[in-house]
Amino acid sequence: CLDYWTDVYWALGHYGVAGTGFGTFIPVYKSAESLGAVGPAILNHAHNEYIELLLEGGVPAIALLVVFVVFIAFCGVRLGRSNPKIERASISFAAASGVLIFLLFSLVDYPLRMPTLSCVFAVFCALLPPRVHAPTNRDLVAVEGHPGSGPTSWRETLRPGRIAILVLLAAAAVVVVQAAMSSKQLLAQRG
């Protein structure tokens, strides 16, 4: 089933640990493909996210992956120590489970290279860390002994963090729509 992994491992040994560059999997694999595997079908990805990441990005990409895994572990430890409400703990646990499923599924496929699935993964990552926020005007007013009145203007409602999230979601939506349009054009053979 996954006989082509031996060709990918050969390419790893041939090109070294510096990486071949992101998006170069197809030409690199074609240069490393064994004669027994040559056929009309084109292998577009390694069907193992980690092997492909090592081939294309090299050791720096794997180092970033390790930093990401450490961040996920840090969020889990922080959540365990913070005594969150049951609702928040449930959301974080579900997000952590989703991240783990994606990371495990990446051993045999490439879900994070599909725009819709990578957007879902990003949402899981955003829901993972415990909620920590800077004091708002409402918090400061309550500390001073005045009754909290909530946001008083649209600027307080649209804080920079929320704006950044909205921009990221809009960008993800554009990528998903673009990928769908490209797929439609390719399937109609109007590449």
N, C-alpha and C. Protein backbone atom coordinates (compact mmCIF):
# COMPACT_ATOMS: atom_id res chain seq x y z
N CYS A 1 0.83 -1.19 0.00
CA CYS A 1 0.00 0.00 0.00
C CYS A 1 0.88 1.26 0.00
N LEU A 2 1.84 1.33 0.89
CA LEU A 2 2.68 2.52 1.00
C LEU A 2 4.11 2.20 0.58
N ASP A 3 4.25 1.49 -0.54
CA ASP A 3 5.57 1.09 -1.03
C ASP A 3 6.41 2.29 -1.45
N TYR A 4 5.78 3.39 -1.81
CA TYR A 4 6.52 4.55 -2.28
C TYR A 4 7.28 5.25 -1.16
N TRP A 5 7.00 4.91 0.10
CA TRP A 5 7.73 5.53 1.20
C TRP A 5 9.23 5.22 1.12
N THR A 6 9.57 4.05 0.59
CA THR A 6 11.00 3.74 0.46
C THR A 6 11.68 4.71 -0.49
N ASP A 7 10.97 5.13 -1.56
CA ASP A 7 11.53 6.13 -2.47
C ASP A 7 11.67 7.48 -1.78
N VAL A 8 10.71 7.82 -0.94
CA VAL A 8 10.78 9.09 -0.20
C VAL A 8 11.95 9.05 0.78
N TYR A 9 12.15 7.91 1.45
CA TYR A 9 13.29 7.77 2.37
C TYR A 9 14.61 7.89 1.62
N TRP A 10 14.65 7.33 0.40
CA TRP A 10 15.86 7.46 -0.40
C TRP A 10 16.11 8.93 -0.72
N ALA A 11 15.06 9.67 -1.08
CA ALA A 11 15.20 11.10 -1.38
C ALA A 11 15.69 11.86 -0.14
N LEU A 12 15.20 11.47 1.04
CA LEU A 12 15.68 12.11 2.27
C LEU A 12 17.18 11.91 2.43
N GLY A 13 17.65 10.70 2.18
CA GLY A 13 19.08 10.43 2.29
C GLY A 13 19.88 11.15 1.21
N HIS A 14 19.30 11.30 0.04
CA HIS A 14 20.01 11.93 -1.07
C HIS A 14 20.08 13.45 -0.93
N TYR A 15 18.98 14.07 -0.55
CA TYR A 15 18.94 15.54 -0.48
C TYR A 15 19.38 16.09 0.86
N GLY A 16 19.48 15.27 1.86
CA GLY A 16 19.97 15.72 3.15
C GLY A 16 18.89 16.34 4.03
N VAL A 17 19.34 16.92 5.13
CA VAL A 17 18.41 17.41 6.14
C VAL A 17 18.12 18.90 6.02
N ALA A 18 18.64 19.55 4.98
CA ALA A 18 18.36 20.97 4.80
C ALA A 18 17.00 21.20 4.18
N GLY A 19 16.43 20.19 3.53
CA GLY A 19 15.14 20.32 2.89
C GLY A 19 15.27 20.74 1.44
N THR A 20 14.27 20.39 0.67
CA THR A 20 14.28 20.71 -0.76
C THR A 20 13.47 21.95 -1.08
N GLY A 21 12.72 22.45 -0.12
CA GLY A 21 11.88 23.62 -0.34
C GLY A 21 10.42 23.21 -0.35
N PHE A 22 9.58 24.03 0.24
CA PHE A 22 8.16 23.70 0.30
C PHE A 22 7.53 23.75 -1.09
N GLY A 23 6.72 22.75 -1.38
CA GLY A 23 6.07 22.65 -2.68
C GLY A 23 6.87 21.89 -3.71
N THR A 24 7.99 21.31 -3.32
CA THR A 24 8.85 20.61 -4.27
C THR A 24 8.69 19.09 -4.21
N PHE A 25 7.68 18.61 -3.53
CA PHE A 25 7.57 17.16 -3.35
C PHE A 25 7.46 16.43 -4.69
N ILE A 26 6.60 16.90 -5.59
CA ILE A 26 6.37 16.16 -6.84
C ILE A 26 7.64 16.04 -7.67
N PRO A 27 8.36 17.14 -7.96
CA PRO A 27 9.58 16.93 -8.76
C PRO A 27 10.66 16.14 -8.02
N VAL A 28 10.76 16.31 -6.71
CA VAL A 28 11.76 15.55 -5.96
C VAL A 28 11.40 14.08 -5.97
N TYR A 29 10.12 13.77 -5.78
CA TYR A 29 9.72 12.36 -5.79
C TYR A 29 9.93 11.74 -7.17
N LYS A 30 9.63 12.50 -8.22
CA LYS A 30 9.84 11.97 -9.58
C LYS A 30 11.31 11.64 -9.81
N SER A 31 12.20 12.43 -9.24
CA SER A 31 13.63 12.15 -9.42
C SER A 31 14.09 10.96 -8.59
N ALA A 32 13.34 10.64 -7.53
CA ALA A 32 13.73 9.54 -6.64
C ALA A 32 12.89 8.29 -6.85
N GLU A 33 11.88 8.38 -7.70
CA GLU A 33 10.94 7.27 -7.89
C GLU A 33 11.65 6.06 -8.51
N SER A 34 11.44 4.90 -7.90
CA SER A 34 12.05 3.68 -8.44
C SER A 34 11.33 3.27 -9.72
N LEU A 35 12.01 2.54 -10.58
CA LEU A 35 11.42 2.14 -11.86
C LEU A 35 10.19 1.26 -11.69
N GLY A 36 10.16 0.49 -10.63
CA GLY A 36 9.00 -0.35 -10.39
C GLY A 36 7.75 0.43 -10.01
N ALA A 37 7.92 1.64 -9.53
CA ALA A 37 6.79 2.46 -9.11
C ALA A 37 6.31 3.43 -10.18
N VAL A 38 7.07 3.54 -11.29
CA VAL A 38 6.69 4.48 -12.35
C VAL A 38 5.40 4.01 -13.00
N GLY A 39 4.48 4.93 -13.16
CA GLY A 39 3.19 4.63 -13.78
C GLY A 39 2.49 5.91 -14.17
N PRO A 40 1.28 5.79 -14.68
CA PRO A 40 0.56 7.00 -15.11
C PRO A 40 0.08 7.88 -13.95
N ALA A 41 -0.10 7.29 -12.80
CA ALA A 41 -0.56 8.07 -11.64
C ALA A 41 0.60 8.89 -11.07
N ILE A 42 0.28 10.10 -10.63
CA ILE A 42 1.28 10.98 -10.03
C ILE A 42 1.02 11.04 -8.54
N LEU A 43 2.06 10.80 -7.77
CA LEU A 43 1.96 10.90 -6.32
C LEU A 43 2.16 12.37 -5.95
N ASN A 44 1.10 12.99 -5.41
CA ASN A 44 1.20 14.43 -5.13
C ASN A 44 1.70 14.75 -3.73
N HIS A 45 1.63 13.81 -2.81
CA HIS A 45 2.12 14.00 -1.44
C HIS A 45 2.60 12.65 -0.91
N ALA A 46 3.36 12.70 0.17
CA ALA A 46 3.96 11.49 0.73
C ALA A 46 2.98 10.66 1.54
N HIS A 47 1.79 11.16 1.79
CA HIS A 47 0.81 10.47 2.64
C HIS A 47 1.37 10.19 4.03
N ASN A 48 2.28 11.03 4.44
CA ASN A 48 2.78 11.08 5.80
C ASN A 48 3.32 12.50 5.97
N GLU A 49 2.57 13.29 6.70
CA GLU A 49 2.87 14.71 6.84
C GLU A 49 4.28 14.94 7.38
N TYR A 50 4.73 14.10 8.28
CA TYR A 50 6.01 14.30 8.93
C TYR A 50 7.18 14.00 7.99
N ILE A 51 7.05 12.95 7.20
CA ILE A 51 8.10 12.62 6.22
C ILE A 51 8.19 13.73 5.18
N GLU A 52 7.03 14.17 4.70
CA GLU A 52 7.04 15.23 3.69
C GLU A 52 7.56 16.54 4.27
N LEU A 53 7.23 16.82 5.50
CA LEU A 53 7.73 18.03 6.16
C LEU A 53 9.25 17.97 6.29
N LEU A 54 9.77 16.81 6.64
CA LEU A 54 11.22 16.65 6.74
C LEU A 54 11.88 16.78 5.37
N LEU A 55 11.28 16.20 4.34
CA LEU A 55 11.85 16.26 3.00
C LEU A 55 11.84 17.70 2.47
N GLU A 56 10.73 18.40 2.62
CA GLU A 56 10.63 19.74 2.05
C GLU A 56 11.24 20.83 2.94
N GLY A 57 11.01 20.73 4.24
CA GLY A 57 11.47 21.79 5.14
C GLY A 57 12.73 21.47 5.90
N GLY A 58 13.11 20.22 5.92
CA GLY A 58 14.34 19.84 6.60
C GLY A 58 14.24 19.95 8.11
N VAL A 59 15.38 20.04 8.74
CA VAL A 59 15.46 20.12 10.20
C VAL A 59 14.78 21.38 10.75
N PRO A 60 14.88 22.55 10.08
CA PRO A 60 14.17 23.72 10.62
C PRO A 60 12.67 23.51 10.74
N ALA A 61 12.07 22.85 9.76
CA ALA A 61 10.63 22.59 9.82
C ALA A 61 10.29 21.61 10.94
N ILE A 62 11.12 20.61 11.12
CA ILE A 62 10.89 19.67 12.22
C ILE A 62 11.08 20.37 13.56
N ALA A 63 12.02 21.30 13.64
CA ALA A 63 12.20 22.07 14.88
C ALA A 63 10.96 22.90 15.19
N LEU A 64 10.37 23.50 14.17
CA LEU A 64 9.13 24.24 14.38
C LEU A 64 7.99 23.31 14.81
N LEU A 65 7.97 22.12 14.27
CA LEU A 65 6.96 21.15 14.68
C LEU A 65 7.15 20.78 16.15
N VAL A 66 8.38 20.60 16.57
CA VAL A 66 8.65 20.28 17.97
C VAL A 66 8.22 21.44 18.87
N VAL A 67 8.48 22.67 18.45
CA VAL A 67 8.05 23.84 19.22
C VAL A 67 6.52 23.86 19.34
N PHE A 68 5.83 23.52 18.25
CA PHE A 68 4.37 23.47 18.28
C PHE A 68 3.88 22.41 19.26
N VAL A 69 4.48 21.23 19.24
CA VAL A 69 4.08 20.16 20.16
C VAL A 69 4.34 20.57 21.61
N VAL A 70 5.46 21.25 21.84
CA VAL A 70 5.75 21.75 23.20
C VAL A 70 4.70 22.78 23.61
N PHE A 71 4.30 23.64 22.69
CA PHE A 71 3.25 24.61 22.98
C PHE A 71 1.93 23.92 23.35
N ILE A 72 1.59 22.88 22.62
CA ILE A 72 0.36 22.13 22.91
C ILE A 72 0.46 21.51 24.30
N ALA A 73 1.61 20.92 24.63
CA ALA A 73 1.80 20.33 25.95
C ALA A 73 1.74 21.40 27.04
N PHE A 74 2.34 22.56 26.78
CA PHE A 74 2.30 23.67 27.73
C PHE A 74 0.85 24.10 28.00
N CYS A 75 0.05 24.18 26.95
CA CYS A 75 -1.36 24.56 27.12
C CYS A 75 -2.09 23.52 27.96
N GLY A 76 -1.78 22.25 27.73
CA GLY A 76 -2.43 21.21 28.52
C GLY A 76 -2.05 21.28 29.99
N VAL A 77 -0.78 21.49 30.27
CA VAL A 77 -0.32 21.61 31.66
C VAL A 77 -0.94 22.84 32.31
N ARG A 78 -0.96 23.94 31.58
CA ARG A 78 -1.53 25.18 32.11
C ARG A 78 -3.01 25.02 32.40
N LEU A 79 -3.70 24.31 31.54
CA LEU A 79 -5.13 24.07 31.76
C LEU A 79 -5.33 23.21 33.00
N GLY A 80 -4.49 22.20 33.19
CA GLY A 80 -4.61 21.33 34.35
C GLY A 80 -4.37 22.05 35.66
N ARG A 81 -3.51 23.06 35.65
CA ARG A 81 -3.19 23.79 36.88
C ARG A 81 -4.15 24.95 37.17
N SER A 82 -4.94 25.37 36.20
CA SER A 82 -5.69 26.61 36.37
C SER A 82 -7.09 26.46 36.94
N ASN A 83 -7.58 25.26 37.19
CA ASN A 83 -8.94 25.04 37.70
C ASN A 83 -9.99 25.82 36.91
N PRO A 84 -10.12 25.54 35.62
CA PRO A 84 -11.11 26.28 34.83
C PRO A 84 -12.52 25.78 35.12
N LYS A 85 -13.49 26.54 34.65
CA LYS A 85 -14.87 26.08 34.75
C LYS A 85 -15.02 24.84 33.89
N ILE A 86 -16.03 24.04 34.20
CA ILE A 86 -16.22 22.78 33.48
C ILE A 86 -16.47 23.01 31.99
N GLU A 87 -17.15 24.11 31.65
CA GLU A 87 -17.40 24.39 30.24
C GLU A 87 -16.09 24.65 29.50
N ARG A 88 -15.23 25.45 30.10
CA ARG A 88 -13.96 25.78 29.46
C ARG A 88 -13.06 24.55 29.38
N ALA A 89 -13.07 23.75 30.43
CA ALA A 89 -12.26 22.53 30.42
C ALA A 89 -12.76 21.57 29.34
N SER A 90 -14.07 21.49 29.16
CA SER A 90 -14.63 20.61 28.13
C SER A 90 -14.24 21.07 26.74
N ILE A 91 -14.29 22.38 26.51
CA ILE A 91 -13.92 22.92 25.20
C ILE A 91 -12.44 22.66 24.92
N SER A 92 -11.60 22.91 25.92
CA SER A 92 -10.16 22.69 25.73
C SER A 92 -9.85 21.21 25.52
N PHE A 93 -10.53 20.34 26.25
CA PHE A 93 -10.31 18.90 26.08
C PHE A 93 -10.74 18.45 24.68
N ALA A 94 -11.88 18.95 24.21
CA ALA A 94 -12.35 18.60 22.86
C ALA A 94 -11.38 19.13 21.81
N ALA A 95 -10.88 20.35 21.99
CA ALA A 95 -9.92 20.91 21.04
C ALA A 95 -8.62 20.10 21.05
N ALA A 96 -8.15 19.73 22.24
CA ALA A 96 -6.93 18.92 22.33
C ALA A 96 -7.13 17.56 21.66
N SER A 97 -8.31 16.98 21.83
CA SER A 97 -8.61 15.70 21.18
C SER A 97 -8.60 15.86 19.67
N GLY A 98 -9.17 16.96 19.18
CA GLY A 98 -9.16 17.22 17.74
C GLY A 98 -7.76 17.40 17.20
N VAL A 99 -6.92 18.14 17.91
CA VAL A 99 -5.52 18.33 17.49
C VAL A 99 -4.80 16.99 17.47
N LEU A 100 -5.01 16.18 18.49
CA LEU A 100 -4.37 14.86 18.55
C LEU A 100 -4.82 13.97 17.39
N ILE A 101 -6.10 13.99 17.07
CA ILE A 101 -6.60 13.19 15.94
C ILE A 101 -5.95 13.64 14.65
N PHE A 102 -5.85 14.95 14.43
CA PHE A 102 -5.19 15.46 13.22
C PHE A 102 -3.73 15.02 13.17
N LEU A 103 -3.03 15.12 14.29
CA LEU A 103 -1.62 14.75 14.31
C LEU A 103 -1.42 13.26 14.08
N LEU A 104 -2.32 12.44 14.61
CA LEU A 104 -2.23 10.99 14.36
C LEU A 104 -2.59 10.65 12.92
N PHE A 105 -3.61 11.31 12.39
CA PHE A 105 -4.03 11.06 11.01
C PHE A 105 -2.95 11.49 10.03
N SER A 106 -2.11 12.44 10.44
CA SER A 106 -1.02 12.90 9.58
C SER A 106 0.05 11.84 9.37
N LEU A 107 0.02 10.77 10.14
CA LEU A 107 0.97 9.67 9.93
C LEU A 107 0.68 8.90 8.66
N VAL A 108 -0.57 8.89 8.20
CA VAL A 108 -0.93 8.09 7.04
C VAL A 108 -1.58 8.91 5.92
N ASP A 109 -1.69 10.22 6.07
CA ASP A 109 -2.27 11.06 5.04
C ASP A 109 -1.75 12.49 5.22
N TYR A 110 -2.34 13.42 4.53
CA TYR A 110 -1.89 14.80 4.62
C TYR A 110 -3.07 15.75 4.86
N PRO A 111 -3.76 15.62 5.99
CA PRO A 111 -4.95 16.45 6.22
C PRO A 111 -4.65 17.94 6.35
N LEU A 112 -3.47 18.29 6.83
CA LEU A 112 -3.17 19.71 7.05
C LEU A 112 -2.80 20.43 5.75
N ARG A 113 -2.71 19.72 4.66
CA ARG A 113 -2.46 20.35 3.36
C ARG A 113 -3.76 20.57 2.59
N MET A 114 -4.87 20.24 3.19
CA MET A 114 -6.18 20.50 2.61
C MET A 114 -6.76 21.73 3.30
N PRO A 115 -7.12 22.78 2.54
CA PRO A 115 -7.53 24.05 3.16
C PRO A 115 -8.66 23.93 4.18
N THR A 116 -9.68 23.16 3.89
CA THR A 116 -10.79 23.09 4.83
C THR A 116 -10.38 22.41 6.13
N LEU A 117 -9.61 21.35 6.03
CA LEU A 117 -9.18 20.66 7.25
C LEU A 117 -8.15 21.47 8.03
N SER A 118 -7.30 22.21 7.33
CA SER A 118 -6.34 23.05 8.05
C SER A 118 -7.05 24.19 8.76
N CYS A 119 -8.17 24.66 8.22
CA CYS A 119 -8.96 25.70 8.93
C CYS A 119 -9.57 25.12 10.21
N VAL A 120 -10.09 23.90 10.13
CA VAL A 120 -10.63 23.25 11.32
C VAL A 120 -9.53 23.04 12.36
N PHE A 121 -8.36 22.63 11.90
CA PHE A 121 -7.22 22.46 12.80
C PHE A 121 -6.86 23.78 13.47
N ALA A 122 -6.89 24.88 12.72
CA ALA A 122 -6.58 26.19 13.29
C ALA A 122 -7.60 26.59 14.35
N VAL A 123 -8.86 26.27 14.12
CA VAL A 123 -9.89 26.57 15.12
C VAL A 123 -9.64 25.75 16.38
N PHE A 124 -9.29 24.48 16.22
CA PHE A 124 -8.96 23.65 17.39
C PHE A 124 -7.79 24.25 18.17
N CYS A 125 -6.77 24.70 17.45
CA CYS A 125 -5.61 25.30 18.12
C CYS A 125 -5.99 26.58 18.84
N ALA A 126 -6.90 27.36 18.26
CA ALA A 126 -7.33 28.60 18.90
C ALA A 126 -8.14 28.33 20.16
N LEU A 127 -8.86 27.22 20.18
CA LEU A 127 -9.69 26.89 21.35
C LEU A 127 -8.90 26.18 22.44
N LEU A 128 -7.70 25.77 22.13
CA LEU A 128 -6.94 24.95 23.06
C LEU A 128 -6.45 25.68 24.31
N PRO A 129 -5.76 26.83 24.18
CA PRO A 129 -5.21 27.41 25.41
C PRO A 129 -6.29 27.94 26.33
N PRO A 130 -6.04 27.89 27.62
CA PRO A 130 -7.00 28.47 28.56
C PRO A 130 -7.16 29.95 28.28
N ARG A 131 -8.32 30.45 28.55
CA ARG A 131 -8.60 31.84 28.25
C ARG A 131 -7.87 32.74 29.24
N VAL A 132 -7.01 33.55 28.71
CA VAL A 132 -6.29 34.53 29.52
C VAL A 132 -6.45 35.86 28.81
N HIS A 133 -6.86 36.86 29.54
CA HIS A 133 -7.04 38.15 28.89
C HIS A 133 -6.53 39.27 29.78
N ALA A 134 -6.20 40.35 29.14
CA ALA A 134 -5.77 41.53 29.88
C ALA A 134 -6.99 42.17 30.52
N PRO A 135 -6.81 42.89 31.61
CA PRO A 135 -7.96 43.52 32.24
C PRO A 135 -8.63 44.52 31.29
N THR A 136 -9.94 44.48 31.26
CA THR A 136 -10.70 45.39 30.42
C THR A 136 -11.17 46.57 31.26
N ASN A 137 -11.80 47.52 30.61
CA ASN A 137 -12.35 48.66 31.35
C ASN A 137 -13.38 48.20 32.37
N ARG A 138 -14.14 47.16 32.01
CA ARG A 138 -15.14 46.64 32.94
C ARG A 138 -14.47 46.11 34.20
N ASP A 139 -13.35 45.38 34.04
CA ASP A 139 -12.62 44.85 35.19
C ASP A 139 -12.06 45.98 36.05
N LEU A 140 -11.50 47.01 35.41
CA LEU A 140 -10.92 48.12 36.15
C LEU A 140 -11.98 48.91 36.90
N VAL A 141 -13.15 49.10 36.27
CA VAL A 141 -14.23 49.83 36.94
C VAL A 141 -14.73 49.04 38.13
N ALA A 142 -14.83 47.71 37.98
CA ALA A 142 -15.30 46.87 39.10
C ALA A 142 -14.30 46.91 40.25
N VAL A 143 -13.00 46.97 39.95
CA VAL A 143 -12.00 47.02 41.00
C VAL A 143 -12.10 48.33 41.77
N GLU A 144 -12.40 49.41 41.06
CA GLU A 144 -12.49 50.71 41.71
C GLU A 144 -13.75 50.86 42.56
N GLY A 145 -14.64 49.90 42.50
CA GLY A 145 -15.85 49.96 43.31
C GLY A 145 -17.07 50.48 42.57
N HIS A 146 -16.91 50.84 41.31
CA HIS A 146 -18.04 51.31 40.53
C HIS A 146 -18.69 50.12 39.85
N PRO A 147 -19.96 50.18 39.62
CA PRO A 147 -20.62 49.06 38.95
C PRO A 147 -20.12 48.95 37.50
N GLY A 148 -19.85 47.73 37.08
CA GLY A 148 -19.40 47.51 35.70
C GLY A 148 -20.54 47.76 34.73
N SER A 149 -20.26 48.50 33.71
CA SER A 149 -21.31 48.83 32.76
C SER A 149 -21.12 48.16 31.42
N GLY A 150 -20.05 47.39 31.27
CA GLY A 150 -19.81 46.71 30.00
C GLY A 150 -19.19 47.66 28.99
N PRO A 151 -19.05 47.21 27.75
CA PRO A 151 -18.44 48.04 26.73
C PRO A 151 -19.29 49.28 26.48
N THR A 152 -18.63 50.41 26.35
CA THR A 152 -19.37 51.66 26.13
C THR A 152 -19.27 52.14 24.69
N SER A 153 -18.37 51.59 23.90
CA SER A 153 -18.27 52.01 22.52
C SER A 153 -17.92 50.81 21.65
N TRP A 154 -18.03 51.02 20.34
CA TRP A 154 -17.71 49.93 19.41
C TRP A 154 -16.22 49.61 19.45
N ARG A 155 -15.39 50.55 19.84
CA ARG A 155 -13.95 50.28 19.94
C ARG A 155 -13.64 49.29 21.05
N GLU A 156 -14.39 49.35 22.15
CA GLU A 156 -14.19 48.39 23.22
C GLU A 156 -14.71 47.02 22.82
N THR A 157 -15.77 47.00 22.03
CA THR A 157 -16.33 45.73 21.59
C THR A 157 -15.39 45.03 20.61
N LEU A 158 -14.80 45.79 19.68
CA LEU A 158 -13.89 45.23 18.69
C LEU A 158 -12.45 45.47 19.14
N ARG A 159 -12.01 44.68 20.07
CA ARG A 159 -10.63 44.77 20.54
C ARG A 159 -9.69 44.23 19.47
N PRO A 160 -8.42 44.59 19.53
CA PRO A 160 -7.46 44.14 18.51
C PRO A 160 -7.40 42.62 18.35
N GLY A 161 -7.51 41.88 19.44
CA GLY A 161 -7.48 40.42 19.34
C GLY A 161 -8.65 39.88 18.53
N ARG A 162 -9.82 40.45 18.75
CA ARG A 162 -11.00 40.01 18.00
C ARG A 162 -10.87 40.39 16.53
N ILE A 163 -10.32 41.56 16.27
CA ILE A 163 -10.13 41.98 14.88
C ILE A 163 -9.15 41.04 14.19
N ALA A 164 -8.09 40.67 14.87
CA ALA A 164 -7.10 39.75 14.28
C ALA A 164 -7.74 38.40 13.97
N ILE A 165 -8.58 37.92 14.86
CA ILE A 165 -9.26 36.64 14.62
C ILE A 165 -10.20 36.76 13.42
N LEU A 166 -10.93 37.85 13.33
CA LEU A 166 -11.83 38.06 12.18
C LEU A 166 -11.04 38.13 10.87
N VAL A 167 -9.90 38.80 10.88
CA VAL A 167 -9.07 38.89 9.67
C VAL A 167 -8.54 37.50 9.30
N LEU A 168 -8.09 36.73 10.28
CA LEU A 168 -7.60 35.38 10.00
C LEU A 168 -8.70 34.48 9.45
N LEU A 169 -9.89 34.57 10.02
CA LEU A 169 -11.01 33.77 9.52
C LEU A 169 -11.39 34.19 8.10
N ALA A 170 -11.37 35.49 7.82
CA ALA A 170 -11.67 35.95 6.47
C ALA A 170 -10.62 35.45 5.48
N ALA A 171 -9.34 35.50 5.88
CA ALA A 171 -8.27 35.00 5.01
C ALA A 171 -8.42 33.51 4.77
N ALA A 172 -8.77 32.77 5.80
CA ALA A 172 -8.98 31.32 5.64
C ALA A 172 -10.15 31.06 4.70
N ALA A 173 -11.20 31.85 4.81
CA ALA A 173 -12.35 31.69 3.92
C ALA A 173 -11.95 31.96 2.47
N VAL A 174 -11.13 32.97 2.24
CA VAL A 174 -10.67 33.27 0.88
C VAL A 174 -9.85 32.10 0.33
N VAL A 175 -8.97 31.53 1.16
CA VAL A 175 -8.15 30.40 0.72
C VAL A 175 -9.03 29.21 0.37
N VAL A 176 -10.04 28.94 1.19
CA VAL A 176 -10.93 27.81 0.94
C VAL A 176 -11.71 28.01 -0.36
N VAL A 177 -12.24 29.21 -0.56
CA VAL A 177 -12.99 29.50 -1.79
C VAL A 177 -12.07 29.41 -3.00
N GLN A 178 -10.86 29.95 -2.89
CA GLN A 178 -9.91 29.88 -4.00
C GLN A 178 -9.56 28.44 -4.34
N ALA A 179 -9.35 27.61 -3.32
CA ALA A 179 -9.02 26.21 -3.56
C ALA A 179 -10.19 25.49 -4.23
N ALA A 180 -11.41 25.80 -3.81
CA ALA A 180 -12.58 25.18 -4.43
C ALA A 180 -12.71 25.60 -5.89
N MET A 181 -12.47 26.87 -6.17
CA MET A 181 -12.56 27.35 -7.56
C MET A 181 -11.47 26.73 -8.41
N SER A 182 -10.26 26.61 -7.86
CA SER A 182 -9.17 25.98 -8.61
C SER A 182 -9.48 24.52 -8.90
N SER A 183 -10.01 23.82 -7.91
CA SER A 183 -10.36 22.41 -8.12
C SER A 183 -11.42 22.28 -9.20
N LYS A 184 -12.40 23.16 -9.17
CA LYS A 184 -13.47 23.12 -10.18
C LYS A 184 -12.89 23.34 -11.57
N GLN A 185 -11.97 24.30 -11.70
CA GLN A 185 -11.35 24.57 -12.99
C GLN A 185 -10.50 23.39 -13.45
N LEU A 186 -9.75 22.78 -12.53
CA LEU A 186 -8.92 21.63 -12.90
C LEU A 186 -9.75 20.43 -13.30
N LEU A 187 -10.85 20.20 -12.58
CA LEU A 187 -11.71 19.09 -12.94
C LEU A 187 -12.39 19.30 -14.29
N ALA A 188 -12.63 20.55 -14.64
CA ALA A 188 -13.22 20.86 -15.94
C ALA A 188 -12.14 20.94 -17.03
N GLN A 189 -10.90 20.63 -16.67
CA GLN A 189 -9.74 20.64 -17.56
C GLN A 189 -9.52 22.01 -18.19
N ARG A 190 -9.69 23.04 -17.34
CA ARG A 190 -9.40 24.41 -17.76
C ARG A 190 -8.33 24.99 -16.85
N GLY A 191 -7.27 24.23 -16.64
CA GLY A 191 -6.23 24.60 -15.72
C GLY A 191 -5.53 25.85 -16.09
